């Protein structure tokens, strides 16, 4: 039996001064008692040698050296996004949350490897498992798999976003950037001809998250957080029961 599940919404210092004062006096009585011999000895004595005080070094400046400002170049947004997509080619893990009027409506968590996706979708307290492959789509509840006769209502959040209409760099730093990319609504499985803006958060060259507002829904938004694969098991077609 083939199942048609309901469609789900996804995607100093102080200075110190020291003064040394030296004072001396001579006695008038001592001067009067000098004999002529002594006076002659004094007169013939060589003048004392005066020591030359060393020239003090100029004080160190307390003013810090001016910091050098490095102006970062604006990254090529389109190229950066494509590099992020390329890094995901071998697979990734994702957690997607759809919010409607501030509440979680649907959440999904899974892995995408090559052209295959496995994920669990939770809505209204119930969880369904999905496997999406080129051969077909399958749904499971309580471990029982059934093949779908239509496209699965949820899949990975990145595969359909490889070709944006336009990409704009909205913010950037030494090792991060935020990109805004526009897509036709259909790329996000949304109805209508309007374009949708998807905001990507980039760390280095890796996509870490994507967020967009879903048209046609009141205060609806979708966010997907992307991370490396943790489950390395292959994604294969399940055995169908019944």
C-alpha atoms as a PDB file:
ATOM      1  CA  UNK A   1       0.000   0.000   0.000  1.00  0.00           C
ATOM      2  CA  UNK A   2       1.406   3.463  -0.912  1.00  0.00           C
ATOM      3  CA  UNK A   3       1.010   6.316   1.532  1.00  0.00           C
ATOM      4  CA  UNK A   4       0.240  10.001   0.867  1.00  0.00           C
ATOM      5  CA  UNK A   5       1.327  11.862   4.062  1.00  0.00           C
ATOM      6  CA  UNK A   6       0.345  15.491   4.506  1.00  0.00           C
ATOM      7  CA  UNK A   7       2.923  18.005   3.112  1.00  0.00           C
ATOM      8  CA  UNK A   8       5.181  19.681   5.683  1.00  0.00           C
ATOM      9  CA  UNK A   9       6.804  23.157   5.793  1.00  0.00           C
ATOM     10  CA  UNK A  10      10.652  23.015   5.746  1.00  0.00           C
ATOM     11  CA  UNK A  11      14.264  24.815   5.276  1.00  0.00           C
ATOM     12  CA  UNK A  12      51.125  54.135  32.337  1.00  0.00           C
ATOM     13  CA  UNK A  13      52.599  54.555  35.014  1.00  0.00           C
ATOM     14  CA  UNK A  14      53.217  57.141  37.765  1.00  0.00           C
ATOM     15  CA  UNK A  15      56.537  59.109  37.192  1.00  0.00           C
ATOM     16  CA  UNK A  16      59.010  59.424  40.129  1.00  0.00           C
ATOM     17  CA  UNK A  17      61.455  62.407  40.463  1.00  0.00           C
ATOM     18  CA  UNK A  18      64.428  62.176  42.886  1.00  0.00           C
ATOM     19  CA  UNK A  19      66.478  65.389  43.662  1.00  0.00           C
ATOM     20  CA  UNK A  20      69.926  64.976  45.343  1.00  0.00           C
ATOM     21  CA  UNK A  21      71.100  68.207  47.029  1.00  0.00           C
ATOM     22  CA  UNK A  22      74.749  68.499  48.264  1.00  0.00           C
ATOM     23  CA  UNK A  23      75.810  71.461  50.464  1.00  0.00           C
ATOM     24  CA  UNK A  24      79.304  72.335  51.875  1.00  0.00           C
ATOM     25  CA  UNK A  25      80.916  75.121  53.875  1.00  0.00           C
ATOM     26  CA  UNK A  26      84.563  76.200  54.654  1.00  0.00           C
ATOM     27  CA  UNK A  27      85.861  77.492  58.003  1.00  0.00           C
ATOM     28  CA  UNK A  28      87.286  81.045  58.133  1.00  0.00           C
ATOM     29  CA  UNK A  29      89.525  80.011  61.072  1.00  0.00           C
ATOM     30  CA  UNK A  30      91.066  77.225  59.041  1.00  0.00           C
ATOM     31  CA  UNK A  31      91.827  79.651  56.230  1.00  0.00           C
ATOM     32  CA  UNK A  32      93.627  82.094  58.599  1.00  0.00           C
ATOM     33  CA  UNK A  33      95.869  79.321  59.953  1.00  0.00           C
ATOM     34  CA  UNK A  34      97.312  78.369  56.610  1.00  0.00           C
ATOM     35  CA  UNK A  35     101.121  78.902  56.515  1.00  0.00           C
ATOM     36  CA  UNK A  36     102.917  80.318  53.529  1.00  0.00           C
ATOM     37  CA  UNK A  37     104.457  76.888  52.876  1.00  0.00           C
ATOM     38  CA  UNK A  38     101.146  75.237  52.923  1.00  0.00           C
ATOM     39  CA  UNK A  39      99.727  77.966  50.770  1.00  0.00           C
ATOM     40  CA  UNK A  40     102.561  77.510  48.259  1.00  0.00           C
ATOM     41  CA  UNK A  41     101.872  73.782  48.177  1.00  0.00           C
ATOM     42  CA  UNK A  42      98.278  74.481  47.531  1.00  0.00           C
ATOM     43  CA  UNK A  43      99.085  77.065  44.861  1.00  0.00           C
ATOM     44  CA  UNK A  44     101.433  74.650  43.090  1.00  0.00           C
ATOM     45  CA  UNK A  45      99.036  71.753  43.242  1.00  0.00           C
ATOM     46  CA  UNK A  46      97.504  70.570  40.027  1.00  0.00           C
ATOM     47  CA  UNK A  47      93.891  71.496  39.604  1.00  0.00           C
ATOM     48  CA  UNK A  48      91.495  68.726  40.340  1.00  0.00           C
ATOM     49  CA  UNK A  49      90.117  66.714  37.508  1.00  0.00           C
ATOM     50  CA  UNK A  50      86.429  67.151  37.067  1.00  0.00           C
ATOM     51  CA  UNK A  51      84.524  64.017  36.116  1.00  0.00           C
ATOM     52  CA  UNK A  52      82.153  64.467  33.257  1.00  0.00           C
ATOM     53  CA  UNK A  53      78.698  63.281  34.086  1.00  0.00           C
ATOM     54  CA  UNK A  54      77.255  60.906  31.508  1.00  0.00           C
ATOM     55  CA  UNK A  55      74.670  62.334  29.196  1.00  0.00           C
ATOM     56  CA  UNK A  56      71.327  60.957  30.294  1.00  0.00           C
ATOM     57  CA  UNK A  57      69.316  59.007  27.765  1.00  0.00           C
ATOM     58  CA  UNK A  58      66.053  60.545  26.729  1.00  0.00           C
ATOM     59  CA  UNK A  59      63.121  59.111  28.621  1.00  0.00           C
ATOM     60  CA  UNK A  60      61.143  56.412  26.887  1.00  0.00           C
ATOM     61  CA  UNK A  61      57.958  57.620  25.351  1.00  0.00           C
ATOM     62  CA  UNK A  62      54.773  56.572  27.100  1.00  0.00           C
ATOM     63  CA  UNK A  63      52.849  57.010  23.871  1.00  0.00           C
ATOM     64  CA  UNK A  64      52.018  53.604  22.364  1.00  0.00           C
ATOM     65  CA  UNK A  65      52.798  52.968  18.752  1.00  0.00           C
ATOM     66  CA  UNK A  66      49.881  53.561  16.497  1.00  0.00           C
ATOM     67  CA  UNK A  67      48.073  50.341  15.601  1.00  0.00           C
ATOM     68  CA  UNK A  68      48.094  49.324  11.983  1.00  0.00           C
ATOM     69  CA  UNK A  69      44.604  48.947  10.555  1.00  0.00           C
ATOM     70  CA  UNK A  70      44.163  46.259   7.945  1.00  0.00           C
ATOM     71  CA  UNK A  71      41.280  46.857   5.581  1.00  0.00           C
ATOM     72  CA  UNK A  72      39.613  43.584   4.701  1.00  0.00           C
ATOM     73  CA  UNK A  73      38.603  43.109   1.098  1.00  0.00           C
ATOM     74  CA  UNK A  74      34.936  42.390   0.441  1.00  0.00           C
ATOM     75  CA  UNK A  75      34.670  38.716  -0.503  1.00  0.00           C
ATOM     76  CA  UNK A  76      33.141  37.503  -3.735  1.00  0.00           C
ATOM     77  CA  UNK A  77      29.797  36.346  -2.420  1.00  0.00           C
ATOM     78  CA  UNK A  78      28.842  34.106  -5.326  1.00  0.00           C
ATOM     79  CA  UNK A  79      32.236  32.376  -5.355  1.00  0.00           C
ATOM     80  CA  UNK A  80      32.190  31.952  -1.570  1.00  0.00           C
ATOM     81  CA  UNK A  81      28.750  30.382  -1.665  1.00  0.00           C
ATOM     82  CA  UNK A  82      29.737  27.981  -4.418  1.00  0.00           C
ATOM     83  CA  UNK A  83      32.799  26.976  -2.421  1.00  0.00           C
ATOM     84  CA  UNK A  84      30.531  26.280   0.513  1.00  0.00           C
ATOM     85  CA  UNK A  85      28.320  24.087  -1.654  1.00  0.00           C
ATOM     86  CA  UNK A  86      31.380  22.215  -2.954  1.00  0.00           C
ATOM     87  CA  UNK A  87      32.469  21.395   0.604  1.00  0.00           C
ATOM     88  CA  UNK A  88      29.121  19.690   1.148  1.00  0.00           C
ATOM     89  CA  UNK A  89      29.438  17.431  -1.883  1.00  0.00           C
ATOM     90  CA  UNK A  90      30.580  14.443   0.173  1.00  0.00           C
ATOM     91  CA  UNK A  91      27.658  14.773   2.538  1.00  0.00           C
ATOM     92  CA  UNK A  92      26.451  16.638   5.602  1.00  0.00           C
ATOM     93  CA  UNK A  93      24.120  16.472   8.573  1.00  0.00           C
ATOM     94  CA  UNK A  94      21.266  18.932   8.942  1.00  0.00           C
ATOM     95  CA  UNK A  95      18.669  20.048  11.467  1.00  0.00           C
ATOM     96  CA  UNK A  96      15.795  22.029   9.976  1.00  0.00           C
ATOM     97  CA  UNK A  97      13.160  23.898  11.970  1.00  0.00           C
ATOM     98  CA  UNK A  98      10.055  25.561  10.579  1.00  0.00           C
ATOM     99  CA  UNK A  99       8.497  28.254  12.770  1.00  0.00           C
ATOM    100  CA  UNK A 100       4.950  29.574  12.391  1.00  0.00           C
ATOM    101  CA  UNK A 101       3.879  32.528  14.535  1.00  0.00           C
ATOM    102  CA  UNK A 102       6.785  31.916  16.928  1.00  0.00           C
ATOM    103  CA  UNK A 103       6.084  28.236  17.490  1.00  0.00           C
ATOM    104  CA  UNK A 104       7.803  25.194  16.048  1.00  0.00           C
ATOM    105  CA  UNK A 105       5.537  23.699  13.435  1.00  0.00           C
ATOM    106  CA  UNK A 106       7.814  21.081  11.921  1.00  0.00           C
ATOM    107  CA  UNK A 107      11.368  19.899  12.613  1.00  0.00           C
ATOM    108  CA  UNK A 108      13.543  17.548  10.606  1.00  0.00           C
ATOM    109  CA  UNK A 109      16.946  15.987  11.206  1.00  0.00           C
ATOM    110  CA  UNK A 110      18.902  13.849   8.823  1.00  0.00           C
ATOM    111  CA  UNK A 111      21.844  13.198   6.529  1.00  0.00           C
ATOM    112  CA  UNK A 112      22.417  13.899   2.865  1.00  0.00           C
ATOM    113  CA  UNK A 113      24.999  11.842   0.974  1.00  0.00           C
ATOM    114  CA  UNK A 114      25.444  12.139  -2.765  1.00  0.00           C
ATOM    115  CA  UNK A 115      21.956  12.143  -4.209  1.00  0.00           C
ATOM    116  CA  UNK A 116      20.316  10.391  -1.258  1.00  0.00           C
ATOM    117  CA  UNK A 117      18.737  11.649   1.951  1.00  0.00           C
ATOM    118  CA  UNK A 118      17.511  10.006   5.130  1.00  0.00           C
ATOM    119  CA  UNK A 119      15.659  12.064   7.723  1.00  0.00           C
ATOM    120  CA  UNK A 120      13.123  12.023  10.524  1.00  0.00           C
ATOM    121  CA  UNK A 121      10.336  14.607  10.439  1.00  0.00           C
ATOM    122  CA  UNK A 122       8.433  15.547  13.591  1.00  0.00           C
ATOM    123  CA  UNK A 123       5.135  17.404  13.637  1.00  0.00           C
ATOM    124  CA  UNK A 124       2.323  17.475  16.183  1.00  0.00           C
ATOM    125  CA  UNK A 125       4.190  15.006  18.373  1.00  0.00           C
ATOM    126  CA  UNK A 126       4.458  12.367  15.656  1.00  0.00           C
ATOM    127  CA  UNK A 127       7.669  11.379  13.856  1.00  0.00           C
ATOM    128  CA  UNK A 128       7.944   9.874  10.397  1.00  0.00           C
ATOM    129  CA  UNK A 129      11.110   8.567   8.787  1.00  0.00           C
ATOM    130  CA  UNK A 130      11.867   9.235   5.124  1.00  0.00           C
ATOM    131  CA  UNK A 131      14.370   7.944   2.630  1.00  0.00           C
ATOM    132  CA  UNK A 132      14.672   9.886  -0.606  1.00  0.00           C
ATOM    133  CA  UNK A 133      16.630   8.366  -3.498  1.00  0.00           C
ATOM    134  CA  UNK A 134      16.631   8.558  -7.307  1.00  0.00           C
ATOM    135  CA  UNK A 135      14.867   5.217  -7.315  1.00  0.00           C
ATOM    136  CA  UNK A 136      11.974   6.461  -5.229  1.00  0.00           C
ATOM    137  CA  UNK A 137      10.785   7.776  -1.891  1.00  0.00           C
ATOM    138  CA  UNK A 138       9.849   5.832   1.203  1.00  0.00           C
ATOM    139  CA  UNK A 139       8.130   6.625   4.493  1.00  0.00           C
ATOM    140  CA  UNK A 140       8.291   4.770   7.791  1.00  0.00           C
ATOM    141  CA  UNK A 141       6.333   4.872  11.000  1.00  0.00           C
ATOM    142  CA  UNK A 142       7.260   2.529  13.830  1.00  0.00           C
ATOM    143  CA  UNK A 143       9.840   0.786  11.633  1.00  0.00           C
ATOM    144  CA  UNK A 144       7.523  -0.201   8.821  1.00  0.00           C
ATOM    145  CA  UNK A 145       8.528   1.145   5.393  1.00  0.00           C
ATOM    146  CA  UNK A 146       6.163   1.901   2.569  1.00  0.00           C
ATOM    147  CA  UNK A 147       6.936   3.358  -0.844  1.00  0.00           C
ATOM    148  CA  UNK A 148       5.388   6.714  -1.699  1.00  0.00           C
ATOM    149  CA  UNK A 149       3.698   7.277  -5.031  1.00  0.00           C
ATOM    150  CA  UNK A 150       4.596  10.988  -4.940  1.00  0.00           C
ATOM    151  CA  UNK A 151       7.553  13.218  -4.084  1.00  0.00           C
ATOM    152  CA  UNK A 152       8.414  13.118  -0.391  1.00  0.00           C
ATOM    153  CA  UNK A 153       7.129  16.181   1.483  1.00  0.00           C
ATOM    154  CA  UNK A 154      10.603  16.801   3.010  1.00  0.00           C
ATOM    155  CA  UNK A 155      14.149  16.414   1.796  1.00  0.00           C
ATOM    156  CA  UNK A 156      17.602  17.924   2.416  1.00  0.00           C
ATOM    157  CA  UNK A 157      17.738  21.760   2.651  1.00  0.00           C
ATOM    158  CA  UNK A 158      20.686  22.463   0.296  1.00  0.00           C
ATOM    159  CA  UNK A 159      20.470  20.439  -2.906  1.00  0.00           C
ATOM    160  CA  UNK A 160      17.991  22.687  -4.698  1.00  0.00           C
ATOM    161  CA  UNK A 161      19.905  25.916  -3.886  1.00  0.00           C
ATOM    162  CA  UNK A 162      23.019  25.436  -6.039  1.00  0.00           C
ATOM    163  CA  UNK A 163      21.940  28.049  -8.626  1.00  0.00           C
ATOM    164  CA  UNK A 164      20.881  31.359  -7.006  1.00  0.00           C
ATOM    165  CA  UNK A 165      19.623  34.291  -9.072  1.00  0.00           C
ATOM    166  CA  UNK A 166      21.871  36.734  -7.207  1.00  0.00           C
ATOM    167  CA  UNK A 167      24.201  36.750  -4.167  1.00  0.00           C
ATOM    168  CA  UNK A 168      24.955  39.793  -1.949  1.00  0.00           C
ATOM    169  CA  UNK A 169      27.488  40.037   0.898  1.00  0.00           C
ATOM    170  CA  UNK A 170      25.614  41.629   3.808  1.00  0.00           C
ATOM    171  CA  UNK A 171      28.414  41.392   6.401  1.00  0.00           C
ATOM    172  CA  UNK A 172      31.894  39.926   6.624  1.00  0.00           C
ATOM    173  CA  UNK A 173      34.911  39.552   8.900  1.00  0.00           C
ATOM    174  CA  UNK A 174      38.321  37.914   8.875  1.00  0.00           C
ATOM    175  CA  UNK A 175      36.854  34.409   9.021  1.00  0.00           C
ATOM    176  CA  UNK A 176      33.105  34.768   8.538  1.00  0.00           C
ATOM    177  CA  UNK A 177      30.490  36.239   6.238  1.00  0.00           C
ATOM    178  CA  UNK A 178      26.746  36.546   5.856  1.00  0.00           C
ATOM    179  CA  UNK A 179      25.349  36.180   2.361  1.00  0.00           C
ATOM    180  CA  UNK A 180      21.878  36.919   1.012  1.00  0.00           C
ATOM    181  CA  UNK A 181      20.949  34.878  -2.038  1.00  0.00           C
ATOM    182  CA  UNK A 182      17.723  35.108  -4.023  1.00  0.00           C
ATOM    183  CA  UNK A 183      15.929  32.139  -5.551  1.00  0.00           C
ATOM    184  CA  UNK A 184      12.691  31.505  -7.359  1.00  0.00           C
ATOM    185  CA  UNK A 185      10.035  30.282  -4.956  1.00  0.00           C
ATOM    186  CA  UNK A 186       9.989  26.912  -6.665  1.00  0.00           C
ATOM    187  CA  UNK A 187      13.571  26.181  -5.588  1.00  0.00           C
ATOM    188  CA  UNK A 188      12.246  26.024  -2.031  1.00  0.00           C
ATOM    189  CA  UNK A 189       9.097  24.146  -2.967  1.00  0.00           C
ATOM    190  CA  UNK A 190       7.007  27.280  -2.368  1.00  0.00           C
ATOM    191  CA  UNK A 191       4.158  28.382  -4.612  1.00  0.00           C
ATOM    192  CA  UNK A 192       4.035  31.538  -6.711  1.00  0.00           C
ATOM    193  CA  UNK A 193       6.425  33.484  -8.901  1.00  0.00           C
ATOM    194  CA  UNK A 194       8.009  35.656  -6.211  1.00  0.00           C
ATOM    195  CA  UNK A 195      11.672  35.392  -5.352  1.00  0.00           C
ATOM    196  CA  UNK A 196      12.791  34.213  -1.930  1.00  0.00           C
ATOM    197  CA  UNK A 197      15.837  35.539  -0.054  1.00  0.00           C
ATOM    198  CA  UNK A 198      17.903  32.924   1.729  1.00  0.00           C
ATOM    199  CA  UNK A 199      20.472  34.102   4.306  1.00  0.00           C
ATOM    200  CA  UNK A 200      23.589  31.944   4.583  1.00  0.00           C
ATOM    201  CA  UNK A 201      25.983  32.115   7.539  1.00  0.00           C
ATOM    202  CA  UNK A 202      29.529  31.213   6.456  1.00  0.00           C
ATOM    203  CA  UNK A 203      32.411  30.243   8.785  1.00  0.00           C
ATOM    204  CA  UNK A 204      35.670  30.296   6.853  1.00  0.00           C
ATOM    205  CA  UNK A 205      34.410  28.769   3.623  1.00  0.00           C
ATOM    206  CA  UNK A 206      31.836  26.432   5.184  1.00  0.00           C
ATOM    207  CA  UNK A 207      28.084  26.902   5.219  1.00  0.00           C
ATOM    208  CA  UNK A 208      26.862  26.731   8.797  1.00  0.00           C
ATOM    209  CA  UNK A 209      23.219  27.709   8.423  1.00  0.00           C
ATOM    210  CA  UNK A 210      20.576  29.006   6.056  1.00  0.00           C
ATOM    211  CA  UNK A 211      17.381  30.887   6.918  1.00  0.00           C
ATOM    212  CA  UNK A 212      14.450  32.167   4.884  1.00  0.00           C
ATOM    213  CA  UNK A 213      10.933  33.479   5.368  1.00  0.00           C
ATOM    214  CA  UNK A 214       8.284  31.340   3.751  1.00  0.00           C
ATOM    215  CA  UNK A 215       5.774  33.252   1.638  1.00  0.00           C
ATOM    216  CA  UNK A 216       2.120  32.432   1.878  1.00  0.00           C
ATOM    217  CA  UNK A 217       2.342  31.727   5.603  1.00  0.00           C
ATOM    218  CA  UNK A 218       1.820  34.142   8.497  1.00  0.00           C
ATOM    219  CA  UNK A 219       5.127  34.823  10.277  1.00  0.00           C
ATOM    220  CA  UNK A 220       6.617  31.622   8.908  1.00  0.00           C
ATOM    221  CA  UNK A 221      10.355  31.014   8.658  1.00  0.00           C
ATOM    222  CA  UNK A 222      12.662  28.090   8.091  1.00  0.00           C
ATOM    223  CA  UNK A 223      16.209  27.599   9.431  1.00  0.00           C
ATOM    224  CA  UNK A 224      18.600  24.782   8.695  1.00  0.00           C
ATOM    225  CA  UNK A 225      21.831  24.226  10.640  1.00  0.00           C
ATOM    226  CA  UNK A 226      24.513  22.347   8.722  1.00  0.00           C
ATOM    227  CA  UNK A 227      27.305  20.219  10.219  1.00  0.00           C
ATOM    228  CA  UNK A 228      29.596  17.327   9.203  1.00  0.00           C
ATOM    229  CA  UNK A 229      28.244  13.822   8.936  1.00  0.00           C
ATOM    230  CA  UNK A 230      28.255  11.715  12.069  1.00  0.00           C
ATOM    231  CA  UNK A 231      26.514   8.651  10.651  1.00  0.00           C
ATOM    232  CA  UNK A 232      28.692   7.200   7.900  1.00  0.00           C
ATOM    233  CA  UNK A 233      26.389   4.309   7.036  1.00  0.00           C
ATOM    234  CA  UNK A 234      25.150   4.200   3.437  1.00  0.00           C
ATOM    235  CA  UNK A 235      21.670   5.315   2.502  1.00  0.00           C
ATOM    236  CA  UNK A 236      19.973   2.488   0.730  1.00  0.00           C
ATOM    237  CA  UNK A 237      16.520   1.562  -0.460  1.00  0.00           C
ATOM    238  CA  UNK A 238      14.602   0.020   2.445  1.00  0.00           C
ATOM    239  CA  UNK A 239      12.843  -3.259   2.408  1.00  0.00           C
ATOM    240  CA  UNK A 240       9.158  -2.698   1.847  1.00  0.00           C
ATOM    241  CA  UNK A 241       6.803  -4.570   4.118  1.00  0.00           C
ATOM    242  CA  UNK A 242       3.489  -5.817   2.988  1.00  0.00           C
END
